[in-house]
Amino acid sequence: MRGEVAAELSVARRDEVPVVTVSGSLDADNVGELEEALARACETPGALSRTVLDLSALDFADSSVLHVLLESQRQHRSSGKRLVVCGPYRPVVHRLFDVTGTAAFFELAGDLDTALAPAR
């Protein structure tokens, strides 16, 4: 790891929507926990039609994180669900999406409240 705080992950429900929150640093060594949490949220019977991933406190992310997000997005779409990734984003998250050109592949929200708002 690069000296940042190791990742902390929490999963909660807000208005019946699974919310996965990540803080600290994510890389190939610890991204598995995020992958499992997103898969469980997508597969939860009776869960509403979306999962929210809050990256507002993420300090570091490498390409392994992007791989997990892309795979989770595919899994959610094939299950008829939405994966909403929310911020506000720190520069490292902006760079991850901008440099790879993948921002358009995700449903991005500026903050948690926006991500939880009913779809219009």
Protein backbone atom coordinates (compact mmCIF):
# COMPACT_ATOMS: atom_id res chain seq x y z
CA MET A 1 0.00 0.00 0.00
CA ARG A 2 1.05 3.58 -0.51
CA GLY A 3 1.00 4.69 3.12
CA GLU A 4 -2.64 5.73 3.15
CA VAL A 5 -5.07 4.34 5.69
CA ALA A 6 -6.19 0.83 4.80
CA ALA A 7 -9.70 0.58 3.43
CA GLU A 8 -12.67 0.53 5.74
CA LEU A 9 -15.92 -0.74 4.34
CA SER A 10 -19.42 -0.61 5.76
CA VAL A 11 -22.73 -1.82 4.43
CA ALA A 12 -26.01 -0.37 5.63
CA ARG A 13 -29.53 0.13 4.38
CA ARG A 14 -31.02 3.53 3.95
CA ASP A 15 -34.63 3.69 2.84
CA GLU A 16 -34.30 -0.03 2.00
CA VAL A 17 -31.44 0.71 -0.41
CA PRO A 18 -28.13 -1.07 0.24
CA VAL A 19 -25.39 1.54 0.74
CA VAL A 20 -21.78 0.39 0.56
CA THR A 21 -19.37 3.00 1.93
CA VAL A 22 -15.61 2.82 1.43
CA SER A 23 -12.94 4.98 3.01
CA GLY A 24 -9.16 4.90 2.99
CA SER A 25 -7.18 3.13 0.27
CA LEU A 26 -8.28 0.36 -2.08
CA ASP A 27 -5.93 -1.63 -4.25
CA ALA A 28 -5.40 -5.18 -5.48
CA ASP A 29 -4.52 -6.35 -1.96
CA ASN A 30 -7.85 -5.40 -0.37
CA VAL A 31 -10.43 -4.84 -3.12
CA GLY A 32 -11.94 -8.32 -2.60
CA GLU A 33 -14.05 -7.13 0.32
CA LEU A 34 -15.63 -4.45 -1.88
CA GLU A 35 -16.26 -6.99 -4.62
CA GLU A 36 -18.04 -9.31 -2.16
CA ALA A 37 -20.10 -6.50 -0.60
CA LEU A 38 -21.33 -5.27 -4.00
CA ALA A 39 -22.17 -8.81 -5.13
CA ARG A 40 -24.15 -9.47 -1.93
CA ALA A 41 -26.02 -6.18 -2.30
CA CYS A 42 -26.94 -7.01 -5.88
CA GLU A 43 -28.10 -10.51 -4.98
CA THR A 44 -30.08 -9.55 -1.88
CA PRO A 45 -33.65 -10.80 -2.30
CA GLY A 46 -36.18 -8.04 -1.89
CA ALA A 47 -33.58 -5.28 -2.17
CA LEU A 48 -34.77 -2.27 -4.06
CA SER A 49 -33.72 -1.75 -7.64
CA ARG A 50 -30.36 -0.16 -6.83
CA THR A 51 -27.21 -0.31 -4.79
CA VAL A 52 -25.41 2.88 -3.79
CA LEU A 53 -21.62 2.91 -3.55
CA ASP A 54 -20.34 5.90 -1.56
CA LEU A 55 -16.75 6.75 -2.53
CA SER A 56 -16.67 10.18 -0.88
CA ALA A 57 -13.99 9.14 1.63
CA LEU A 58 -11.82 7.09 -0.75
CA ASP A 59 -8.20 8.33 -0.62
CA PHE A 60 -6.60 5.96 -3.11
CA ALA A 61 -7.85 3.58 -5.79
CA ASP A 62 -5.98 1.70 -8.49
CA SER A 63 -7.09 -0.13 -11.62
CA SER A 64 -8.18 -3.17 -9.63
CA VAL A 65 -10.92 -1.01 -8.10
CA LEU A 66 -12.07 0.04 -11.56
CA HIS A 67 -12.20 -3.62 -12.61
CA VAL A 68 -14.44 -4.44 -9.62
CA LEU A 69 -16.70 -1.46 -10.36
CA LEU A 70 -17.05 -2.42 -14.02
CA GLU A 71 -17.86 -6.03 -13.15
CA SER A 72 -20.34 -4.99 -10.47
CA GLN A 73 -22.00 -2.61 -12.92
CA ARG A 74 -22.43 -5.47 -15.38
CA GLN A 75 -23.80 -7.72 -12.63
CA HIS A 76 -26.30 -5.08 -11.51
CA ARG A 77 -27.47 -4.39 -15.07
CA SER A 78 -27.94 -8.08 -15.84
CA SER A 79 -30.01 -8.38 -12.64
CA GLY A 80 -32.18 -5.43 -13.65
CA LYS A 81 -30.72 -3.23 -10.92
CA ARG A 82 -28.79 0.03 -10.84
CA LEU A 83 -25.40 0.67 -9.30
CA VAL A 84 -25.15 4.33 -8.33
CA VAL A 85 -21.67 5.57 -7.47
CA CYS A 86 -21.68 8.72 -5.36
CA GLY A 87 -19.30 11.31 -3.99
CA PRO A 88 -18.44 14.07 -3.58
CA TYR A 89 -15.41 12.60 -5.29
CA ARG A 90 -11.86 13.21 -4.24
CA PRO A 91 -9.32 13.89 -7.03
CA VAL A 92 -8.17 10.25 -7.11
CA VAL A 93 -11.66 9.06 -8.04
CA HIS A 94 -12.06 11.77 -10.67
CA ARG A 95 -8.73 10.70 -12.17
CA LEU A 96 -9.71 7.02 -12.14
CA PHE A 97 -12.81 7.74 -14.24
CA ASP A 98 -11.30 10.51 -16.40
CA VAL A 99 -8.05 8.79 -17.37
CA THR A 100 -9.82 5.56 -18.25
CA GLY A 101 -12.78 7.22 -19.97
CA THR A 102 -15.23 5.09 -17.98
CA ALA A 103 -17.33 7.79 -16.28
CA ALA A 104 -20.09 7.43 -18.88
CA PHE A 105 -20.41 3.72 -18.09
CA PHE A 106 -21.49 4.47 -14.51
CA GLU A 107 -24.45 6.23 -12.98
CA LEU A 108 -22.68 8.92 -10.94
CA ALA A 109 -24.26 11.09 -8.26
CA GLY A 110 -22.69 14.11 -6.57
CA ASP A 111 -23.65 13.01 -3.07
CA LEU A 112 -25.45 10.33 -1.08
CA ASP A 113 -28.78 12.17 -0.90
CA THR A 114 -28.86 12.51 -4.68
CA ALA A 115 -27.98 8.83 -5.10
CA LEU A 116 -30.86 7.85 -2.80
CA ALA A 117 -33.43 10.17 -4.39
CA PRO A 118 -36.18 8.38 -6.34
CA ALA A 119 -35.43 8.03 -10.04
CA ARG A 120 -37.33 10.42 -12.25
